[in-house]
Protein backbone atom coordinates (compact mmCIF):
# COMPACT_ATOMS: atom_id res chain seq x y z
CA MET A 1 21.96 -4.17 -3.49
CA LYS A 2 20.99 -2.67 -6.78
CA LYS A 3 18.42 0.07 -6.58
CA VAL A 4 15.20 0.11 -8.61
CA LEU A 5 13.89 3.38 -9.96
CA HIS A 6 10.80 4.46 -8.03
CA VAL A 7 7.79 4.63 -10.31
CA LEU A 8 5.01 5.99 -8.14
CA CYS A 9 1.43 6.67 -9.11
CA ILE A 10 -1.41 8.47 -7.34
CA LEU A 11 -4.66 6.70 -6.67
CA GLY A 12 -6.75 9.82 -6.13
CA MET A 13 -9.83 9.61 -3.95
CA MET A 14 -13.00 11.35 -5.06
CA THR A 15 -11.53 14.76 -5.82
CA PHE A 16 -8.80 16.78 -7.48
CA VAL A 17 -5.42 17.09 -5.77
CA SER A 18 -3.03 19.74 -7.07
CA LYS A 19 0.73 19.49 -7.06
CA ALA A 20 0.79 16.25 -5.10
CA GLN A 21 4.06 14.53 -4.29
CA VAL A 22 3.63 10.82 -3.69
CA ILE A 23 6.10 9.85 -0.96
CA GLU A 24 5.19 6.15 -1.02
CA ASN A 25 2.35 3.99 -2.30
CA PHE A 26 3.97 0.55 -1.89
CA GLU A 27 3.14 -0.40 -5.49
CA ASN A 28 6.68 -0.45 -6.92
CA PHE A 29 6.97 -4.20 -7.37
CA ILE A 30 6.13 -6.60 -10.15
CA LYS A 31 2.60 -7.90 -9.66
CA VAL A 32 2.82 -11.56 -8.65
CA HIS A 33 -0.18 -13.82 -9.20
CA THR A 34 -0.41 -16.90 -7.00
CA MET A 35 -0.96 -20.17 -8.85
CA ALA A 36 -1.70 -23.82 -7.99
CA ASN A 37 -1.10 -23.30 -4.25
CA GLY A 38 -3.87 -25.43 -2.75
CA HIS A 39 -5.70 -23.91 0.21
CA LEU A 40 -3.34 -20.91 -0.03
CA ASP A 41 -4.05 -20.11 -3.66
CA VAL A 42 -4.60 -16.46 -2.73
CA PRO A 43 -2.59 -13.20 -3.06
CA ALA A 44 -1.75 -13.30 0.65
CA ALA A 45 0.54 -16.29 0.01
CA PHE A 46 3.14 -13.73 -1.14
CA LYS A 47 4.46 -10.94 1.08
CA VAL A 48 7.41 -8.56 0.85
CA VAL A 49 9.12 -8.86 4.23
CA ALA A 50 12.38 -8.06 5.97
CA ASN A 51 15.22 -10.39 4.98
CA PRO A 52 15.20 -13.14 7.64
CA LEU A 53 18.88 -13.96 7.15
CA LYS A 54 21.20 -11.22 5.96
CA SER A 55 24.49 -12.71 4.82
CA ASP A 56 27.22 -12.36 2.23
CA ALA A 57 24.97 -14.37 -0.10
CA ASN A 58 22.13 -11.85 0.25
CA ASN A 59 22.28 -8.68 2.32
CA SER A 60 19.05 -7.16 0.96
CA ASP A 61 16.73 -5.39 3.36
CA HIS A 62 13.60 -6.87 1.78
CA VAL A 63 12.75 -10.15 0.08
CA MET A 64 9.64 -11.99 -1.07
CA MET A 65 8.13 -14.58 1.28
CA PHE A 66 6.04 -17.38 -0.25
CA THR A 67 3.91 -19.63 1.96
CA ARG A 68 3.77 -22.83 -0.06
CA GLY A 69 0.55 -24.78 0.59
CA PHE A 70 1.11 -28.43 1.49
CA ASP A 71 -1.79 -29.39 -0.78
CA GLY A 72 -0.70 -27.29 -3.76
CA ASN A 73 0.44 -28.64 -7.11
CA PRO A 74 4.11 -29.26 -7.94
CA TRP A 75 4.04 -26.07 -10.03
CA ALA A 76 2.82 -23.87 -7.17
CA GLY A 77 4.40 -20.42 -7.36
CA PHE A 78 3.69 -17.19 -9.21
CA TRP A 79 3.33 -15.70 -12.67
CA SER A 80 3.80 -12.05 -13.56
CA VAL A 81 3.26 -9.94 -16.66
CA LEU A 82 6.22 -7.54 -16.74
CA SER A 83 5.79 -3.88 -17.64
CA VAL A 84 8.86 -4.26 -19.86
CA PRO A 85 9.28 -7.73 -21.46
CA VAL A 86 12.51 -9.56 -20.76
CA ASP A 87 14.83 -9.86 -23.77
CA LEU A 88 16.65 -13.21 -23.96
CA THR A 89 18.28 -12.75 -27.37
CA ALA A 90 21.77 -12.22 -25.98
CA ASP A 91 21.28 -12.50 -22.23
CA LYS A 92 20.05 -16.05 -21.66
CA TYR A 93 20.61 -16.56 -17.95
CA ILE A 94 18.04 -15.79 -15.25
CA ARG A 95 19.21 -15.90 -11.63
CA VAL A 96 17.12 -16.08 -8.49
CA LYS A 97 18.30 -16.12 -4.89
CA VAL A 98 16.35 -18.58 -2.75
CA LEU A 99 16.19 -19.57 0.89
CA LYS A 100 14.28 -22.84 1.35
CA PRO A 101 13.67 -25.23 4.26
CA ARG A 102 14.10 -28.35 2.10
CA ILE A 103 15.85 -29.57 -1.04
CA SER A 104 13.52 -29.81 -4.03
CA PRO A 105 13.57 -29.03 -7.77
CA LEU A 106 12.90 -25.51 -9.07
CA HIS A 107 11.45 -24.47 -12.43
CA PHE A 108 11.40 -21.15 -14.28
CA LYS A 109 9.30 -20.33 -17.33
CA VAL A 110 9.04 -17.49 -19.83
CA GLU A 111 5.85 -17.08 -21.86
CA GLY A 112 4.26 -15.10 -24.67
CA GLY A 113 7.45 -14.60 -26.63
CA THR A 114 8.14 -13.73 -30.24
CA SER A 115 10.02 -17.02 -30.71
CA ASP A 116 8.75 -20.41 -31.88
CA PRO A 117 7.79 -21.96 -29.53
CA PRO A 118 6.65 -18.84 -27.60
CA SER A 119 7.24 -20.38 -24.15
CA PHE A 120 10.09 -22.20 -22.40
CA GLU A 121 10.02 -23.96 -19.02
CA ILE A 122 13.30 -25.27 -17.65
CA SER A 123 15.11 -26.63 -14.61
CA PRO A 124 18.16 -24.80 -13.23
CA VAL A 125 21.73 -25.31 -14.35
CA ASN A 126 22.70 -26.00 -10.76
CA ALA A 127 20.55 -28.09 -8.43
CA GLN A 128 19.77 -26.63 -5.02
CA THR A 129 22.34 -27.76 -2.42
CA LYS A 130 21.55 -25.69 0.68
CA THR A 131 18.71 -25.36 3.15
CA ASP A 132 17.95 -22.50 5.54
CA GLU A 133 20.48 -20.25 3.86
CA TRP A 134 20.60 -18.16 0.73
CA GLU A 135 21.69 -19.77 -2.52
CA THR A 136 21.76 -18.41 -6.08
CA ILE A 137 19.92 -20.61 -8.57
CA VAL A 138 20.67 -20.13 -12.30
CA PHE A 139 18.41 -20.96 -15.26
CA TYR A 140 19.88 -21.11 -18.78
CA PHE A 141 17.40 -20.37 -21.58
CA GLU A 142 19.64 -21.65 -24.39
CA ASN A 143 16.93 -21.81 -27.06
CA ALA A 144 15.00 -18.67 -26.14
CA THR A 145 15.34 -15.55 -28.25
CA GLY A 146 13.48 -12.27 -28.52
CA THR A 147 11.24 -10.80 -25.85
CA TYR A 148 8.93 -12.48 -23.33
CA PRO A 149 6.37 -10.47 -21.35
CA THR A 150 5.48 -13.14 -18.77
CA ILE A 151 7.65 -14.93 -16.23
CA VAL A 152 6.67 -17.89 -14.04
CA PHE A 153 8.61 -19.13 -11.00
CA MET A 154 7.99 -22.49 -9.34
CA PRO A 155 10.39 -22.76 -6.40
CA ASP A 156 9.35 -26.17 -5.00
CA PHE A 157 8.64 -28.47 -7.96
CA GLU A 158 8.48 -31.81 -6.14
CA ASP A 159 6.30 -34.23 -8.13
CA PRO A 160 4.31 -35.63 -6.48
CA VAL A 161 4.21 -33.23 -3.55
CA THR A 162 4.89 -35.05 -0.25
CA LEU A 163 4.40 -32.13 2.16
CA THR A 164 2.17 -32.63 5.20
CA GLU A 165 2.22 -28.99 6.27
CA ASP A 166 2.79 -25.59 4.70
CA ILE A 167 6.36 -24.35 4.33
CA VAL A 168 7.86 -20.88 3.92
CA ILE A 169 10.18 -20.11 1.01
CA TYR A 170 12.01 -16.81 0.47
CA PHE A 171 13.36 -15.52 -2.83
CA ASP A 172 14.99 -12.34 -4.08
CA ASP A 173 16.95 -10.65 -6.87
CA ILE A 174 15.42 -12.00 -10.08
CA GLU A 175 18.09 -10.96 -12.59
CA VAL A 176 18.93 -11.39 -16.26
CA CYS A 177 22.59 -11.79 -17.23
CA ASN A 178 24.75 -13.07 -20.08
CA THR A 179 26.94 -15.37 -17.96
CA PRO A 180 25.99 -17.54 -14.98
CA ASP A 181 27.98 -15.49 -12.49
CA GLY A 182 28.51 -12.21 -14.30
CA PRO A 183 26.95 -8.83 -13.56
CA ALA A 184 23.22 -8.47 -14.14
CA THR A 185 22.18 -6.78 -17.37
CA ARG A 186 18.69 -6.24 -15.98
CA VAL A 187 17.20 -6.54 -12.50
CA ILE A 188 13.64 -7.79 -13.01
CA GLU A 189 12.82 -7.40 -9.32
CA ASN A 190 14.68 -7.02 -6.04
CA PHE A 191 11.75 -6.08 -3.78
CA GLU A 192 13.52 -2.96 -2.56
CA GLY A 193 11.07 -0.52 -4.15
CA ALA A 194 9.46 0.71 -0.93
CA ILE A 195 10.96 3.41 1.24
CA PRO A 196 13.09 1.85 4.02
CA VAL A 197 10.87 1.99 7.10
CA HIS A 198 12.52 1.64 10.51
CA THR A 199 10.39 0.25 13.34
CA MET A 200 10.36 2.29 16.54
CA ALA A 201 9.01 1.96 20.09
CA ASN A 202 7.01 -1.17 19.27
CA GLY A 203 7.49 -3.26 22.40
CA HIS A 204 8.15 -6.97 21.85
CA LEU A 205 7.71 -6.38 18.10
CA ASP A 206 10.32 -3.63 17.80
CA ALA A 207 11.81 -5.36 14.75
CA PRO A 208 11.70 -4.98 10.95
CA GLU A 209 9.22 -7.86 10.74
CA ALA A 210 6.53 -5.60 12.24
CA PHE A 211 6.14 -4.03 8.77
CA GLU A 212 5.21 -6.00 5.65
CA VAL A 213 4.04 -5.01 2.18
CA VAL A 214 0.97 -7.17 1.59
CA ALA A 215 -2.06 -7.45 -0.65
CA ASN A 216 -4.72 -4.83 0.11
CA PRO A 217 -7.16 -6.60 2.47
CA LEU A 218 -10.10 -4.37 1.50
CA LYS A 219 -10.16 -2.81 -1.96
CA ASP A 220 -12.79 -0.07 -2.13
CA GLU A 221 -13.40 3.34 -3.70
CA VAL A 222 -11.18 4.97 -1.09
CA ASN A 223 -8.21 2.69 -1.77
CA GLY A 224 -8.06 0.45 -4.81
CA SER A 225 -4.33 -0.28 -4.45
CA ASP A 226 -3.05 -3.81 -4.99
CA LEU A 227 -0.40 -3.49 -2.26
CA VAL A 228 -0.34 -1.70 1.09
CA MET A 229 1.83 -1.63 4.21
CA LYS A 230 0.83 -3.84 7.13
CA PHE A 231 1.97 -2.82 10.63
CA THR A 232 1.63 -5.20 13.57
CA ARG A 233 1.28 -2.80 16.49
CA ALA A 234 2.48 -4.41 19.72
CA PHE A 235 0.25 -4.17 22.77
CA ASP A 236 3.27 -3.28 24.91
CA GLY A 237 4.71 -0.61 22.60
CA ASN A 238 4.91 3.09 23.36
CA PRO A 239 2.21 5.54 22.26
CA TRP A 240 4.57 6.69 19.49
CA ALA A 241 5.08 3.21 18.04
CA GLY A 242 5.36 3.38 14.25
CA PHE A 243 8.14 4.02 11.78
CA TRP A 244 10.71 6.61 10.76
CA CYS A 245 12.32 6.91 7.36
CA ILE A 246 15.07 8.92 5.71
CA LEU A 247 13.62 9.56 2.26
CA PRO A 248 15.60 9.03 -0.95
CA GLN A 249 14.72 12.65 -1.75
CA PRO A 250 13.69 15.21 0.92
CA ILE A 251 10.15 16.57 0.72
CA ASP A 252 9.63 20.29 0.14
CA MET A 253 6.93 21.80 2.38
CA THR A 254 7.28 25.42 1.34
CA VAL A 255 4.04 25.26 -0.68
CA ASN A 256 2.72 21.75 -0.09
CA LYS A 257 1.77 21.54 3.58
CA TYR A 258 -0.85 18.78 3.74
CA MET A 259 0.31 15.23 4.40
CA HIS A 260 -2.23 12.54 3.49
CA VAL A 261 -2.09 8.91 4.62
CA LYS A 262 -4.77 6.30 3.97
CA VAL A 263 -5.29 4.06 6.99
CA LEU A 264 -7.33 1.00 7.86
CA LYS A 265 -7.44 0.43 11.61
CA PRO A 266 -9.36 -1.89 13.95
CA ARG A 267 -9.96 0.82 16.58
CA ILE A 268 -10.31 4.59 16.92
CA SER A 269 -7.19 6.29 18.26
CA PRO A 270 -5.13 9.44 17.60
CA LEU A 271 -2.58 9.58 14.80
CA HIS A 272 0.61 11.69 14.70
CA PHE A 273 2.96 12.60 11.88
CA LYS A 274 6.38 14.22 12.19
CA VAL A 275 8.93 15.76 9.85
CA GLU A 276 12.56 16.07 10.90
CA GLY A 277 15.93 17.42 9.86
CA GLY A 278 14.64 20.44 7.99
CA SER A 279 15.78 24.01 7.82
CA THR A 280 13.25 24.73 10.58
CA SER A 281 12.80 22.79 13.81
CA ASN A 282 11.30 19.30 13.83
CA ILE A 283 7.50 19.42 13.72
CA GLU A 284 5.16 16.75 15.15
CA ILE A 285 1.40 17.18 14.86
CA PRO A 286 -1.86 15.22 15.27
CA SER A 287 -4.20 14.80 12.32
CA MET A 288 -6.43 17.73 11.34
CA HIS A 289 -9.53 15.67 12.07
CA PRO A 290 -9.90 12.58 14.23
CA GLN A 291 -10.25 9.14 12.74
CA THR A 292 -13.96 8.28 12.33
CA MET A 293 -13.97 4.77 10.85
CA THR A 294 -12.78 1.30 11.81
CA ASP A 295 -12.15 -1.65 9.49
CA ALA A 296 -12.47 0.63 6.47
CA TRP A 297 -10.05 2.84 4.56
CA GLU A 298 -9.99 6.49 5.56
CA ASP A 299 -7.88 9.41 4.33
CA ILE A 300 -6.14 11.03 7.31
CA VAL A 301 -4.67 14.50 6.76
CA PHE A 302 -1.97 16.39 8.69
CA TYR A 303 -1.58 20.15 8.15
CA PHE A 304 1.99 21.40 8.62
CA GLU A 305 1.12 25.08 8.72
CA ASN A 306 4.49 26.21 10.07
CA ALA A 307 6.71 23.93 8.01
CA THR A 308 8.80 25.40 5.21
CA GLY A 309 11.76 24.22 3.19
CA THR A 310 12.87 20.62 2.85
CA TYR A 311 12.75 17.72 5.33
CA PRO A 312 14.63 14.47 4.75
CA THR A 313 12.98 12.39 7.48
CA ILE A 314 9.35 11.46 8.10
CA VAL A 315 7.85 9.70 11.12
CA PHE A 316 4.38 8.11 11.25
CA MET A 317 2.67 7.09 14.49
CA PRO A 318 -0.72 5.58 13.55
CA ASP A 319 -1.99 4.58 17.01
CA PHE A 320 -0.99 7.36 19.42
CA GLU A 321 -3.12 6.36 22.41
CA ASP A 322 -1.48 7.67 25.59
CA PRO A 323 -1.28 5.63 27.73
CA VAL A 324 -1.63 2.52 25.58
CA THR A 325 -4.48 0.29 26.81
CA LEU A 326 -4.07 -2.63 24.42
CA THR A 327 -4.00 -6.15 25.82
CA GLU A 328 -3.02 -7.84 22.55
CA ASP A 329 -1.31 -6.91 19.30
CA ILE A 330 -3.39 -5.30 16.56
CA THR A 331 -2.93 -4.99 12.81
CA ILE A 332 -2.97 -1.58 11.10
CA TYR A 333 -2.73 -1.02 7.36
CA PHE A 334 -1.65 2.21 5.67
CA ASP A 335 -0.97 3.36 2.14
CA ASP A 336 -0.49 6.32 -0.23
CA ILE A 337 1.60 8.76 1.80
CA GLU A 338 1.14 11.95 -0.21
CA LEU A 339 2.14 15.58 0.25
CA THR A 340 -0.29 18.03 -1.37
CA GLU A 341 -1.17 21.70 -1.57
CA THR A 342 -4.78 21.06 -0.57
CA GLY A 343 -6.42 19.76 2.58
CA PRO A 344 -8.83 16.91 3.30
CA VAL A 345 -10.37 15.64 0.12
CA GLY A 346 -12.08 12.43 1.07
CA VAL A 347 -15.65 13.55 0.36
CA LYS A 348 -18.05 13.09 -2.52
CA ASN A 349 -20.11 15.54 -4.46
CA ALA A 350 -22.84 13.01 -5.11
CA THR A 351 -24.38 10.67 -2.57
CA ALA A 352 -26.89 7.90 -2.41
CA GLY A 353 -29.31 6.34 -4.84
CA SER A 354 -31.71 9.23 -5.50
CA GLY A 355 -29.05 11.17 -7.40
CA MET A 356 -28.77 14.02 -4.91
CA VAL A 357 -25.80 16.27 -5.67
CA ILE A 358 -23.79 18.45 -3.27
CA TYR A 359 -21.56 21.16 -4.72
CA PRO A 360 -19.13 22.83 -4.75
CA ASN A 361 -17.12 20.39 -2.74
CA PRO A 362 -14.92 21.64 -1.06
CA VAL A 363 -16.98 24.77 -0.39
CA LYS A 364 -16.10 28.23 0.95
CA THR A 365 -19.38 30.13 1.35
CA THR A 366 -22.49 28.75 -0.36
CA LEU A 367 -23.35 25.05 -0.55
CA THR A 368 -25.83 23.92 -3.18
CA LEU A 369 -27.94 20.77 -2.85
CA ASP A 370 -29.58 19.65 -6.07
CA ASN A 371 -31.96 16.92 -7.23
CA LEU A 372 -33.64 16.64 -3.83
CA GLN A 373 -36.50 14.16 -3.61
CA ASN A 374 -39.42 15.29 -1.37
CA ALA A 375 -37.00 16.99 1.01
CA GLU A 376 -38.53 18.65 4.09
CA ARG A 377 -35.58 19.45 6.35
CA ILE A 378 -31.79 19.68 5.93
CA VAL A 379 -29.36 19.34 8.84
CA ILE A 380 -25.62 20.01 8.77
CA SER A 381 -23.70 18.30 11.59
CA ASN A 382 -20.07 17.92 12.55
CA LEU A 383 -18.36 14.54 12.75
CA ILE A 384 -19.35 13.98 16.37
CA GLY A 385 -23.03 14.51 15.58
CA GLN A 386 -23.62 18.06 16.79
CA GLN A 387 -26.26 19.80 14.67
CA ILE A 388 -24.89 23.15 13.50
CA ILE A 389 -27.17 24.40 10.73
CA ILE A 390 -30.84 23.45 10.19
CA LYS A 391 -33.04 24.47 7.26
CA ASN A 392 -36.76 23.65 7.36
CA ASN A 393 -39.67 23.88 4.94
CA ILE A 394 -37.78 22.84 1.83
CA ARG A 395 -40.09 23.26 -1.16
CA GLU A 396 -37.85 22.93 -4.20
CA SER A 397 -35.62 20.20 -5.61
CA ARG A 398 -32.70 22.58 -5.37
CA THR A 399 -31.63 24.78 -2.47
CA THR A 400 -28.60 26.63 -1.15
CA MET A 401 -27.16 27.04 2.34
CA ASP A 402 -24.75 29.62 3.75
CA VAL A 403 -21.85 27.74 5.34
CA SER A 404 -19.38 30.62 5.55
CA SER A 405 -19.54 30.58 9.36
CA LEU A 406 -18.35 26.98 9.61
CA ALA A 407 -14.80 26.21 10.65
CA ARG A 408 -12.60 24.34 8.21
CA GLY A 409 -13.29 20.60 8.23
CA ILE A 410 -15.54 17.78 7.10
CA TYR A 411 -19.29 17.95 7.76
CA ILE A 412 -22.25 15.65 7.33
CA VAL A 413 -25.39 16.86 5.61
CA SER A 414 -28.64 14.96 6.27
CA ILE A 415 -31.72 15.39 4.07
CA HIS A 416 -34.94 14.33 5.78
CA SER A 417 -37.81 13.64 3.36
CA LYS A 418 -41.55 13.91 3.88
CA ASP A 419 -41.95 10.13 3.76
CA GLY A 420 -39.57 9.66 6.72
CA LYS A 421 -36.46 8.66 4.77
CA THR A 422 -33.05 10.20 5.35
CA GLU A 423 -30.13 10.62 2.95
CA THR A 424 -26.69 11.68 4.05
CA GLY A 425 -23.60 13.04 2.37
CA LYS A 426 -20.31 14.68 3.29
CA PHE A 427 -18.70 17.92 2.25
CA MET A 428 -15.50 19.74 3.02
CA LYS A 429 -15.48 23.33 4.30
CA GLU A 430 -12.34 25.19 3.23
């Protein structure tokens, strides 16, 4: 399988991160937009999944799965604006591998070109002949020339549609070439951009299908990614259920010792992270601070204080309850695995509507609270609600507090006003 260059970008959360190494953010795929797919005309109709049928025709690890709505239009499928337009001046063939449960026409379209007309929609050179196995379908754009930024794929172009229930179609390896069966001159997408995660200790779901790259189910200020990893955690798995991965390039933890992972979980439970195969012994640790949120994105940080040198293998265990008390499978999402030089950073300087400001954040010794509105009392608490520092009789709109005695971690500051209202914010103590 041809390998796509990893182009990884950081979606930073509410602070500055120095010298970060993004290990994986699951964004290295063309962005597919669902179209004309009936009741499934949503991003979730497309998922990057494990190849359901590895064979000589397609031995990829990952492919795209499309759930085709029974009530969709004949042209149901996807469109995508490519980061680099496809050039069809000399290379006029586009190939796609498909695995379909029924025989039906397929269409491919290129749009927005420099040619006249600027768009071409065609049927394949070879009609589909196989079901439930991989087949390469070839489209010949004889009259296209120049560059085209947009591609459109319609893998089930029956007109009219006669389906009575949804069907699942897989496709892979969208390639440009100058002969129908020659080597590819450009791989538009092969869905292999993510690190190869290996499922471990996951009970009846101890299979590659337990992990899927899917649309972000909850975009927010913590995680605005388009794509994230979905993990179906089996109720009968071990505490250490999760994944391991040999990275394309080992991570160096000589200076960068903080591992960040954004998670969205349906329950509170411990999380573990492990690095293996380094110049020192393998190191497995729990997160610096416990998970505090459910059904919302949260930045979880692991501090590898004693790690140094390079490590080729990482292991993530996002639900390390021991013993496991689940009675049914649960779904966990995670994203943006990053190695940084700094610790927890998921806190804001500014909080709610009054415009109150907390700085510096992170803080070492003196915390300043500015633009206070009728404040009377300030309370600093830890994440389990224990009140640690209290300051009464606030008279000014700006005040300072000595936090040098606090241990490293995240704290909640509550400002109680004279009219009975309370504002809260978070800060990080270095």
